Amino acid sequence: MKILVCGANGQLGRELHNVLERRCPGCTTYAGHEELDLCDAAAVERYLREGDFSRLINCAAYTDVERAEEDKMECASANIDAVANIARYADELGLRILHVSTDYVFDGTSFRPYRESDKVNPMSHYGTTKRKGETALLGLAPESIVVRTGWLYSPYGRNFLLTMLRLGASQKGVRVVSDQIGTPTYAADLAEAIATIVLSPQWIGGIYNFSNEGVCSWYDFADAIMHASGSDCRVEPIASSDYPTQAARPFYSVLDKSKIKATFGISIPHWHDALLRCLERMNSNQ
């Protein structure tokens, strides 16, 4: 098996490197933007033909939700056109694609965890482009797998955990919205799930949800981070209306993971346990 990871320098890509080199050492090529510009259709075709890959994991995306409202063309190019470029040759080359998408394809008006079959209604340009990327992929390569996730964090890159740790070390208090509900996802746990799917002898295409287990608000998550890290920084809950943003966020984006667990036998840890593991790992690497 020859695997290609696109978007290899992001937080999920770096976690996939750790997982795949442990579970299938030497079978994976890792491509960041410098190695492969997914928006360059000719470069993508050449890279895929020369690489003779059997599996492709696409972590590459435009993920700055706020900036996407202004850089609409750049966001669309990365989240739609790039996905179509890799999907166009999948059937011809016998390439199976796993693509990472987002909970932002939903509008957040549900009061139960979202299933893969629920109606999508993205509220932001980012969410709209990610949904169109899903559609482009499944239209060109129907056997592909889409994994939707949300609230992703890790020791790498830019994410909510690292922001809270930085603020917790430098400020006496932070204000965090308490009326947006979802589930934090430790990128290492998502990487393990993706590796399990890609390395499985069976390939069952379609859309799947993955996050850690449990439910919380951003306030709950921030409070847990401060307590677990030993910070004295006080977390104050506020309403979303007190923290206006250019891009609309779903108020509820909890994902139902029944399908991915039943199909691939994946066990999913609780978000609080995952947070403690991540912090312990970060402390041990200091």
C-alpha atoms as a PDB file:
ATOM      1  CA  MET A   1       0.000   0.000   0.000  1.00  0.00           C
ATOM      2  CA  LYS A   2       1.256   3.459  -0.962  1.00  0.00           C
ATOM      3  CA  ILE A   3      -0.375   6.343   0.880  1.00  0.00           C
ATOM      4  CA  LEU A   4      -0.209  10.061   0.099  1.00  0.00           C
ATOM      5  CA  VAL A   5      -1.031  12.612   2.802  1.00  0.00           C
ATOM      6  CA  CYS A   6      -1.859  16.074   1.431  1.00  0.00           C
ATOM      7  CA  GLY A   7      -1.729  19.014   3.804  1.00  0.00           C
ATOM      8  CA  ALA A   8       1.008  17.203   5.701  1.00  0.00           C
ATOM      9  CA  ASN A   9       2.294  20.291   7.527  1.00  0.00           C
ATOM     10  CA  GLY A  10      -0.975  21.123   9.299  1.00  0.00           C
ATOM     11  CA  GLN A  11      -1.897  19.876  12.752  1.00  0.00           C
ATOM     12  CA  LEU A  12      -3.775  16.815  11.473  1.00  0.00           C
ATOM     13  CA  GLY A  13      -1.123  16.071   8.859  1.00  0.00           C
ATOM     14  CA  ARG A  14       1.601  16.091  11.498  1.00  0.00           C
ATOM     15  CA  GLU A  15      -0.407  13.762  13.724  1.00  0.00           C
ATOM     16  CA  LEU A  16      -0.974  11.439  10.769  1.00  0.00           C
ATOM     17  CA  HIS A  17       2.779  11.314  10.252  1.00  0.00           C
ATOM     18  CA  ASN A  18       3.217  10.141  13.846  1.00  0.00           C
ATOM     19  CA  VAL A  19       0.480   7.520  13.577  1.00  0.00           C
ATOM     20  CA  LEU A  20       1.218   6.144  10.111  1.00  0.00           C
ATOM     21  CA  GLU A  21       4.959   5.807  10.717  1.00  0.00           C
ATOM     22  CA  ARG A  22       4.124   3.753  13.790  1.00  0.00           C
ATOM     23  CA  ARG A  23       1.445   1.603  12.197  1.00  0.00           C
ATOM     24  CA  CYS A  24       2.736   1.315   8.624  1.00  0.00           C
ATOM     25  CA  PRO A  25       6.331   2.598   8.568  1.00  0.00           C
ATOM     26  CA  GLY A  26       7.698   3.707   5.223  1.00  0.00           C
ATOM     27  CA  CYS A  27       4.444   3.371   3.277  1.00  0.00           C
ATOM     28  CA  THR A  28       3.469   7.056   3.224  1.00  0.00           C
ATOM     29  CA  THR A  29       4.510  10.146   1.280  1.00  0.00           C
ATOM     30  CA  TYR A  30       3.817  13.469   3.024  1.00  0.00           C
ATOM     31  CA  ALA A  31       3.147  16.488   0.812  1.00  0.00           C
ATOM     32  CA  GLY A  32       2.750  20.045   2.012  1.00  0.00           C
ATOM     33  CA  HIS A  33       1.966  23.010  -0.209  1.00  0.00           C
ATOM     34  CA  GLU A  34       5.605  23.363  -1.259  1.00  0.00           C
ATOM     35  CA  GLU A  35       5.720  19.773  -2.493  1.00  0.00           C
ATOM     36  CA  LEU A  36       2.292  19.820  -4.130  1.00  0.00           C
ATOM     37  CA  ASP A  37       0.024  22.767  -4.919  1.00  0.00           C
ATOM     38  CA  LEU A  38      -3.389  21.124  -5.048  1.00  0.00           C
ATOM     39  CA  CYS A  39      -4.827  24.136  -6.868  1.00  0.00           C
ATOM     40  CA  ASP A  40      -2.505  23.420  -9.830  1.00  0.00           C
ATOM     41  CA  ALA A  41      -4.436  20.802 -11.800  1.00  0.00           C
ATOM     42  CA  ALA A  42      -1.507  19.863 -14.044  1.00  0.00           C
ATOM     43  CA  ALA A  43       0.843  19.458 -11.072  1.00  0.00           C
ATOM     44  CA  VAL A  44      -1.692  17.274  -9.266  1.00  0.00           C
ATOM     45  CA  GLU A  45      -2.150  14.999 -12.268  1.00  0.00           C
ATOM     46  CA  ARG A  46       1.597  14.621 -12.733  1.00  0.00           C
ATOM     47  CA  TYR A  47       2.220  13.949  -9.032  1.00  0.00           C
ATOM     48  CA  LEU A  48      -0.516  11.318  -8.775  1.00  0.00           C
ATOM     49  CA  ARG A  49       0.510   9.516 -11.969  1.00  0.00           C
ATOM     50  CA  GLU A  50       4.175   9.398 -10.997  1.00  0.00           C
ATOM     51  CA  GLY A  51       3.484   8.413  -7.403  1.00  0.00           C
ATOM     52  CA  ASP A  52       1.312   5.366  -8.131  1.00  0.00           C
ATOM     53  CA  PHE A  53      -0.531   5.811  -4.839  1.00  0.00           C
ATOM     54  CA  SER A  54      -3.330   3.505  -3.692  1.00  0.00           C
ATOM     55  CA  ARG A  55      -4.667   5.754  -0.900  1.00  0.00           C
ATOM     56  CA  LEU A  56      -4.827   9.544  -0.549  1.00  0.00           C
ATOM     57  CA  ILE A  57      -5.666  11.364   2.698  1.00  0.00           C
ATOM     58  CA  ASN A  58      -6.555  15.003   2.099  1.00  0.00           C
ATOM     59  CA  CYS A  59      -6.081  17.230   5.148  1.00  0.00           C
ATOM     60  CA  ALA A  60      -5.357  20.346   3.104  1.00  0.00           C
ATOM     61  CA  ALA A  61      -7.925  23.125   3.437  1.00  0.00           C
ATOM     62  CA  TYR A  62      -8.477  26.829   3.934  1.00  0.00           C
ATOM     63  CA  THR A  63      -9.594  26.848   7.575  1.00  0.00           C
ATOM     64  CA  ASP A  64      -9.481  30.502   8.684  1.00  0.00           C
ATOM     65  CA  VAL A  65     -13.222  30.931   9.129  1.00  0.00           C
ATOM     66  CA  GLU A  66     -13.076  34.699   9.685  1.00  0.00           C
ATOM     67  CA  ARG A  67     -10.681  35.547   6.864  1.00  0.00           C
ATOM     68  CA  ALA A  68     -12.647  33.324   4.482  1.00  0.00           C
ATOM     69  CA  GLU A  69     -15.428  35.908   4.490  1.00  0.00           C
ATOM     70  CA  GLU A  70     -13.014  38.303   2.747  1.00  0.00           C
ATOM     71  CA  ASP A  71     -10.674  35.946   0.838  1.00  0.00           C
ATOM     72  CA  LYS A  72     -13.572  34.168  -0.803  1.00  0.00           C
ATOM     73  CA  MET A  73     -11.801  33.178  -4.017  1.00  0.00           C
ATOM     74  CA  GLU A  74      -8.747  31.810  -2.226  1.00  0.00           C
ATOM     75  CA  CYS A  75     -10.951  29.862   0.173  1.00  0.00           C
ATOM     76  CA  ALA A  76     -13.039  28.417  -2.662  1.00  0.00           C
ATOM     77  CA  SER A  77      -9.940  27.456  -4.627  1.00  0.00           C
ATOM     78  CA  ALA A  78      -8.466  25.518  -1.691  1.00  0.00           C
ATOM     79  CA  ASN A  79     -11.685  23.900  -0.484  1.00  0.00           C
ATOM     80  CA  ILE A  80     -13.414  23.157  -3.798  1.00  0.00           C
ATOM     81  CA  ASP A  81     -11.091  23.328  -6.812  1.00  0.00           C
ATOM     82  CA  ALA A  82      -8.215  21.533  -5.085  1.00  0.00           C
ATOM     83  CA  VAL A  83     -10.508  18.699  -4.014  1.00  0.00           C
ATOM     84  CA  ALA A  84     -11.833  18.335  -7.555  1.00  0.00           C
ATOM     85  CA  ASN A  85      -8.263  18.209  -8.863  1.00  0.00           C
ATOM     86  CA  ILE A  86      -7.364  15.171  -6.762  1.00  0.00           C
ATOM     87  CA  ALA A  87     -10.731  13.472  -7.354  1.00  0.00           C
ATOM     88  CA  ARG A  88     -10.609  13.785 -11.144  1.00  0.00           C
ATOM     89  CA  TYR A  89      -8.096  10.976 -11.587  1.00  0.00           C
ATOM     90  CA  ALA A  90      -9.159   8.687  -8.733  1.00  0.00           C
ATOM     91  CA  ASP A  91     -11.076   6.118 -10.765  1.00  0.00           C
ATOM     92  CA  GLU A  92      -8.560   6.054 -13.605  1.00  0.00           C
ATOM     93  CA  LEU A  93      -5.617   5.519 -11.241  1.00  0.00           C
ATOM     94  CA  GLY A  94      -7.397   3.185  -8.825  1.00  0.00           C
ATOM     95  CA  LEU A  95      -6.906   5.717  -6.042  1.00  0.00           C
ATOM     96  CA  ARG A  96      -9.065   5.688  -2.915  1.00  0.00           C
ATOM     97  CA  ILE A  97      -9.510   9.114  -1.307  1.00  0.00           C
ATOM     98  CA  LEU A  98     -10.283  10.016   2.289  1.00  0.00           C
ATOM     99  CA  HIS A  99     -11.124  13.703   2.625  1.00  0.00           C
ATOM    100  CA  VAL A 100     -11.494  15.635   5.882  1.00  0.00           C
ATOM    101  CA  SER A 101     -14.486  17.978   6.149  1.00  0.00           C
ATOM    102  CA  THR A 102     -16.229  19.927   8.887  1.00  0.00           C
ATOM    103  CA  ASP A 103     -19.214  20.271  11.204  1.00  0.00           C
ATOM    104  CA  TYR A 104     -19.665  23.761   9.712  1.00  0.00           C
ATOM    105  CA  VAL A 105     -21.689  22.207   6.873  1.00  0.00           C
ATOM    106  CA  PHE A 106     -24.588  22.263   9.388  1.00  0.00           C
ATOM    107  CA  ASP A 107     -26.445  25.364  10.593  1.00  0.00           C
ATOM    108  CA  GLY A 108     -26.442  24.405  14.273  1.00  0.00           C
ATOM    109  CA  THR A 109     -30.212  24.536  14.797  1.00  0.00           C
ATOM    110  CA  SER A 110     -30.521  20.873  15.796  1.00  0.00           C
ATOM    111  CA  PHE A 111     -30.984  19.714  19.379  1.00  0.00           C
ATOM    112  CA  ARG A 112     -29.648  16.196  18.841  1.00  0.00           C
ATOM    113  CA  PRO A 113     -26.277  15.054  17.474  1.00  0.00           C
ATOM    114  CA  TYR A 114     -26.044  15.456  13.720  1.00  0.00           C
ATOM    115  CA  ARG A 115     -26.108  12.302  11.622  1.00  0.00           C
ATOM    116  CA  GLU A 116     -24.325  12.052   8.289  1.00  0.00           C
ATOM    117  CA  SER A 117     -27.683  11.971   6.479  1.00  0.00           C
ATOM    118  CA  ASP A 118     -29.023  15.170   8.070  1.00  0.00           C
ATOM    119  CA  LYS A 119     -29.712  18.164   5.871  1.00  0.00           C
ATOM    120  CA  VAL A 120     -26.754  20.478   5.414  1.00  0.00           C
ATOM    121  CA  ASN A 121     -27.119  24.250   5.563  1.00  0.00           C
ATOM    122  CA  PRO A 122     -23.762  26.004   6.027  1.00  0.00           C
ATOM    123  CA  MET A 123     -23.880  29.499   7.522  1.00  0.00           C
ATOM    124  CA  SER A 124     -20.435  30.776   6.504  1.00  0.00           C
ATOM    125  CA  HIS A 125     -18.371  30.971   3.339  1.00  0.00           C
ATOM    126  CA  TYR A 126     -15.952  28.468   4.871  1.00  0.00           C
ATOM    127  CA  GLY A 127     -18.766  25.992   5.560  1.00  0.00           C
ATOM    128  CA  THR A 128     -20.226  26.531   2.092  1.00  0.00           C
ATOM    129  CA  THR A 129     -16.923  25.821   0.353  1.00  0.00           C
ATOM    130  CA  LYS A 130     -16.304  22.721   2.458  1.00  0.00           C
ATOM    131  CA  ARG A 131     -19.735  21.387   1.515  1.00  0.00           C
ATOM    132  CA  LYS A 132     -19.103  22.100  -2.165  1.00  0.00           C
ATOM    133  CA  GLY A 133     -15.781  20.280  -1.805  1.00  0.00           C
ATOM    134  CA  GLU A 134     -17.605  17.233  -0.458  1.00  0.00           C
ATOM    135  CA  THR A 135     -20.024  17.361  -3.396  1.00  0.00           C
ATOM    136  CA  ALA A 136     -17.225  17.730  -5.954  1.00  0.00           C
ATOM    137  CA  LEU A 137     -15.335  14.790  -4.482  1.00  0.00           C
ATOM    138  CA  LEU A 138     -18.269  12.410  -4.298  1.00  0.00           C
ATOM    139  CA  GLY A 139     -19.446  13.441  -7.754  1.00  0.00           C
ATOM    140  CA  LEU A 140     -16.087  12.676  -9.386  1.00  0.00           C
ATOM    141  CA  ALA A 141     -15.009   9.787  -7.131  1.00  0.00           C
ATOM    142  CA  PRO A 142     -18.170   8.255  -5.613  1.00  0.00           C
ATOM    143  CA  GLU A 143     -16.256   5.610  -3.641  1.00  0.00           C
ATOM    144  CA  SER A 144     -14.426   8.245  -1.620  1.00  0.00           C
ATOM    145  CA  ILE A 145     -14.723   8.657   2.147  1.00  0.00           C
ATOM    146  CA  VAL A 146     -15.519  12.003   3.756  1.00  0.00           C
ATOM    147  CA  VAL A 147     -14.822  12.385   7.476  1.00  0.00           C
ATOM    148  CA  ARG A 148     -16.504  15.376   9.100  1.00  0.00           C
ATOM    149  CA  THR A 149     -14.990  16.697  12.302  1.00  0.00           C
ATOM    150  CA  GLY A 150     -14.867  19.852  14.386  1.00  0.00           C
ATOM    151  CA  TRP A 151     -13.141  21.793  17.178  1.00  0.00           C
ATOM    152  CA  LEU A 152      -9.790  20.307  16.210  1.00  0.00           C
ATOM    153  CA  TYR A 153      -6.746  20.893  18.408  1.00  0.00           C
ATOM    154  CA  SER A 154      -3.241  19.492  18.921  1.00  0.00           C
ATOM    155  CA  PRO A 155       0.196  20.591  20.135  1.00  0.00           C
ATOM    156  CA  TYR A 156       0.839  21.959  16.629  1.00  0.00           C
ATOM    157  CA  GLY A 157      -0.173  25.014  14.653  1.00  0.00           C
ATOM    158  CA  ARG A 158      -2.896  27.455  15.693  1.00  0.00           C
ATOM    159  CA  ASN A 159      -5.896  26.211  17.636  1.00  0.00           C
ATOM    160  CA  PHE A 160      -8.114  26.951  20.646  1.00  0.00           C
ATOM    161  CA  LEU A 161      -6.047  24.877  23.087  1.00  0.00           C
ATOM    162  CA  LEU A 162      -2.805  26.695  22.306  1.00  0.00           C
ATOM    163  CA  THR A 163      -4.550  30.068  22.435  1.00  0.00           C
ATOM    164  CA  MET A 164      -6.000  29.319  25.873  1.00  0.00           C
ATOM    165  CA  LEU A 165      -2.655  28.062  27.193  1.00  0.00           C
ATOM    166  CA  ARG A 166      -0.984  31.267  26.004  1.00  0.00           C
ATOM    167  CA  LEU A 167      -3.679  33.482  27.536  1.00  0.00           C
ATOM    168  CA  GLY A 168      -3.716  31.412  30.712  1.00  0.00           C
ATOM    169  CA  ALA A 169      -0.027  32.080  31.190  1.00  0.00           C
ATOM    170  CA  SER A 170      -0.248  35.816  30.536  1.00  0.00           C
ATOM    171  CA  GLN A 171      -3.657  37.064  31.713  1.00  0.00           C
ATOM    172  CA  LYS A 172      -5.747  37.000  34.868  1.00  0.00           C
ATOM    173  CA  GLY A 173      -8.999  36.368  33.054  1.00  0.00           C
ATOM    174  CA  VAL A 174     -10.535  35.492  29.667  1.00  0.00           C
ATOM    175  CA  ARG A 175     -14.077  35.760  28.314  1.00  0.00           C
ATOM    176  CA  VAL A 176     -15.317  32.771  26.297  1.00  0.00           C
ATOM    177  CA  VAL A 177     -18.679  32.087  24.657  1.00  0.00           C
ATOM    178  CA  SER A 178     -20.848  29.591  26.519  1.00  0.00           C
ATOM    179  CA  ASP A 179     -23.743  29.211  24.075  1.00  0.00           C
ATOM    180  CA  GLN A 180     -21.921  27.388  21.270  1.00  0.00           C
ATOM    181  CA  ILE A 181     -22.054  23.649  21.911  1.00  0.00           C
ATOM    182  CA  GLY A 182     -19.972  20.901  20.336  1.00  0.00           C
ATOM    183  CA  THR A 183     -17.148  18.480  21.057  1.00  0.00           C
ATOM    184  CA  PRO A 184     -13.394  19.134  21.033  1.00  0.00           C
ATOM    185  CA  THR A 185     -11.443  16.749  18.809  1.00  0.00           C
ATOM    186  CA  TYR A 186      -7.870  15.789  19.624  1.00  0.00           C
ATOM    187  CA  ALA A 187      -6.118  15.555  16.244  1.00  0.00           C
ATOM    188  CA  ALA A 188      -4.121  12.522  17.398  1.00  0.00           C
ATOM    189  CA  ASP A 189      -7.368  10.591  18.006  1.00  0.00           C
ATOM    190  CA  LEU A 190      -8.709  11.632  14.607  1.00  0.00           C
ATOM    191  CA  ALA A 191      -5.429  10.532  13.012  1.00  0.00           C
ATOM    192  CA  GLU A 192      -5.736   7.106  14.670  1.00  0.00           C
ATOM    193  CA  ALA A 193      -9.273   6.745  13.301  1.00  0.00           C
ATOM    194  CA  ILE A 194      -8.205   7.788   9.812  1.00  0.00           C
ATOM    195  CA  ALA A 195      -5.295   5.352   9.872  1.00  0.00           C
ATOM    196  CA  THR A 196      -7.638   2.552  10.938  1.00  0.00           C
ATOM    197  CA  ILE A 197      -9.916   3.300   7.979  1.00  0.00           C
ATOM    198  CA  VAL A 198      -7.152   3.672   5.397  1.00  0.00           C
ATOM    199  CA  LEU A 199      -5.283   0.557   6.517  1.00  0.00           C
ATOM    200  CA  SER A 200      -8.445  -1.541   6.755  1.00  0.00           C
ATOM    201  CA  PRO A 201      -8.838  -4.369   4.226  1.00  0.00           C
ATOM    202  CA  GLN A 202     -12.358  -3.111   3.522  1.00  0.00           C
ATOM    203  CA  TRP A 203     -13.164   0.233   1.898  1.00  0.00           C
ATOM    204  CA  ILE A 204     -16.711   1.458   2.420  1.00  0.00           C
ATOM    205  CA  GLY A 205     -17.224   4.851   0.818  1.00  0.00           C
ATOM    206  CA  GLY A 206     -19.496   7.572   2.112  1.00  0.00           C
ATOM    207  CA  ILE A 207     -19.686  10.302   4.747  1.00  0.00           C
ATOM    208  CA  TYR A 208     -18.688   9.642   8.357  1.00  0.00           C
ATOM    209  CA  ASN A 209     -18.602  11.778  11.501  1.00  0.00           C
ATOM    210  CA  PHE A 210     -15.733  11.840  13.973  1.00  0.00           C
ATOM    211  CA  SER A 211     -15.049  13.853  17.106  1.00  0.00           C
ATOM    212  CA  ASN A 212     -14.193  12.825  20.614  1.00  0.00           C
ATOM    213  CA  GLU A 213     -17.091  11.703  22.808  1.00  0.00           C
ATOM    214  CA  GLY A 214     -19.037  14.012  25.092  1.00  0.00           C
ATOM    215  CA  VAL A 215     -20.493  17.489  24.794  1.00  0.00           C
ATOM    216  CA  CYS A 216     -19.366  20.905  26.045  1.00  0.00           C
ATOM    217  CA  SER A 217     -19.349  24.616  25.271  1.00  0.00           C
ATOM    218  CA  TRP A 218     -16.283  26.645  24.346  1.00  0.00           C
ATOM    219  CA  TYR A 219     -16.470  28.030  27.890  1.00  0.00           C
ATOM    220  CA  ASP A 220     -16.447  24.506  29.352  1.00  0.00           C
ATOM    221  CA  PHE A 221     -13.478  23.592  27.173  1.00  0.00           C
ATOM    222  CA  ALA A 222     -11.556  26.715  28.153  1.00  0.00           C
ATOM    223  CA  ASP A 223     -12.284  26.149  31.853  1.00  0.00           C
ATOM    224  CA  ALA A 224     -11.082  22.540  31.603  1.00  0.00           C
ATOM    225  CA  ILE A 225      -7.889  23.688  29.881  1.00  0.00           C
ATOM    226  CA  MET A 226      -7.112  26.195  32.636  1.00  0.00           C
ATOM    227  CA  HIS A 227      -7.740  23.692  35.409  1.00  0.00           C
ATOM    228  CA  ALA A 228      -5.811  20.871  33.751  1.00  0.00           C
ATOM    229  CA  SER A 229      -2.843  23.106  32.971  1.00  0.00           C
ATOM    230  CA  GLY A 230      -2.699  24.526  36.495  1.00  0.00           C
ATOM    231  CA  SER A 231      -3.457  28.077  35.399  1.00  0.00           C
ATOM    232  CA  ASP A 232      -5.069  30.566  37.783  1.00  0.00           C
ATOM    233  CA  CYS A 233      -6.626  32.421  34.849  1.00  0.00           C
ATOM    234  CA  ARG A 234     -10.356  32.930  35.444  1.00  0.00           C
ATOM    235  CA  VAL A 235     -12.747  31.996  32.621  1.00  0.00           C
ATOM    236  CA  GLU A 236     -15.877  34.137  32.316  1.00  0.00           C
ATOM    237  CA  PRO A 237     -18.821  32.800  30.291  1.00  0.00           C
ATOM    238  CA  ILE A 238     -20.344  35.214  27.769  1.00  0.00           C
ATOM    239  CA  ALA A 239     -22.983  35.041  25.030  1.00  0.00           C
ATOM    240  CA  SER A 240     -22.047  34.929  21.364  1.00  0.00           C
ATOM    241  CA  SER A 241     -23.748  38.301  20.978  1.00  0.00           C
ATOM    242  CA  ASP A 242     -21.082  39.735  23.298  1.00  0.00           C
ATOM    243  CA  TYR A 243     -18.341  38.485  20.974  1.00  0.00           C
ATOM    244  CA  PRO A 244     -19.463  39.366  17.422  1.00  0.00           C
ATOM    245  CA  THR A 245     -17.625  37.744  14.518  1.00  0.00           C
ATOM    246  CA  GLN A 246     -17.771  38.273  10.786  1.00  0.00           C
ATOM    247  CA  ALA A 247     -18.534  34.611  10.095  1.00  0.00           C
ATOM    248  CA  ALA A 248     -21.587  32.965  11.631  1.00  0.00           C
ATOM    249  CA  ARG A 249     -20.918  29.895  13.767  1.00  0.00           C
ATOM    250  CA  PRO A 250     -23.326  27.019  14.434  1.00  0.00           C
ATOM    251  CA  PHE A 251     -24.686  27.151  17.987  1.00  0.00           C
ATOM    252  CA  TYR A 252     -24.879  23.335  18.116  1.00  0.00           C
ATOM    253  CA  SER A 253     -22.520  21.063  16.201  1.00  0.00           C
ATOM    254  CA  VAL A 254     -22.387  17.807  18.158  1.00  0.00           C
ATOM    255  CA  LEU A 255     -21.786  14.890  15.791  1.00  0.00           C
ATOM    256  CA  ASP A 256     -23.307  11.402  15.979  1.00  0.00           C
ATOM    257  CA  LYS A 257     -20.437   8.902  15.615  1.00  0.00           C
ATOM    258  CA  SER A 258     -22.508   5.702  15.496  1.00  0.00           C
ATOM    259  CA  LYS A 259     -21.768   5.029  11.821  1.00  0.00           C
ATOM    260  CA  ILE A 260     -17.978   5.230  11.969  1.00  0.00           C
ATOM    261  CA  LYS A 261     -17.871   3.128  15.143  1.00  0.00           C
ATOM    262  CA  ALA A 262     -20.109   0.413  13.711  1.00  0.00           C
ATOM    263  CA  THR A 263     -18.488   0.319  10.266  1.00  0.00           C
ATOM    264  CA  PHE A 264     -14.814   0.341  11.244  1.00  0.00           C
ATOM    265  CA  GLY A 265     -14.904  -0.817  14.874  1.00  0.00           C
ATOM    266  CA  ILE A 266     -13.407   2.445  16.104  1.00  0.00           C
ATOM    267  CA  SER A 267     -13.369   3.215  19.823  1.00  0.00           C
ATOM    268  CA  ILE A 268     -13.553   6.928  20.628  1.00  0.00           C
ATOM    269  CA  PRO A 269     -12.219   8.491  23.866  1.00  0.00           C
ATOM    270  CA  HIS A 270     -14.037  11.212  25.802  1.00  0.00           C
ATOM    271  CA  TRP A 271     -12.924  14.771  25.060  1.00  0.00           C
ATOM    272  CA  HIS A 272     -11.758  15.471  28.621  1.00  0.00           C
ATOM    273  CA  ASP A 273      -9.580  12.352  28.723  1.00  0.00           C
ATOM    274  CA  ALA A 274      -8.164  13.324  25.327  1.00  0.00           C
ATOM    275  CA  LEU A 275      -7.344  16.814  26.603  1.00  0.00           C
ATOM    276  CA  LEU A 276      -5.421  15.399  29.566  1.00  0.00           C
ATOM    277  CA  ARG A 277      -3.456  13.087  27.270  1.00  0.00           C
ATOM    278  CA  CYS A 278      -2.574  15.972  24.974  1.00  0.00           C
ATOM    279  CA  LEU A 279      -1.391  18.168  27.844  1.00  0.00           C
ATOM    280  CA  GLU A 280       0.608  15.333  29.387  1.00  0.00           C
ATOM    281  CA  ARG A 281       2.284  14.740  26.042  1.00  0.00           C
ATOM    282  CA  MET A 282       3.087  18.437  25.669  1.00  0.00           C
ATOM    283  CA  ASN A 283       4.572  18.561  29.167  1.00  0.00           C
ATOM    284  CA  SER A 284       6.719  15.496  28.566  1.00  0.00           C
ATOM    285  CA  ASN A 285       8.125  17.046  25.365  1.00  0.00           C
ATOM    286  CA  GLN A 286       9.178  20.302  27.008  1.00  0.00           C
END
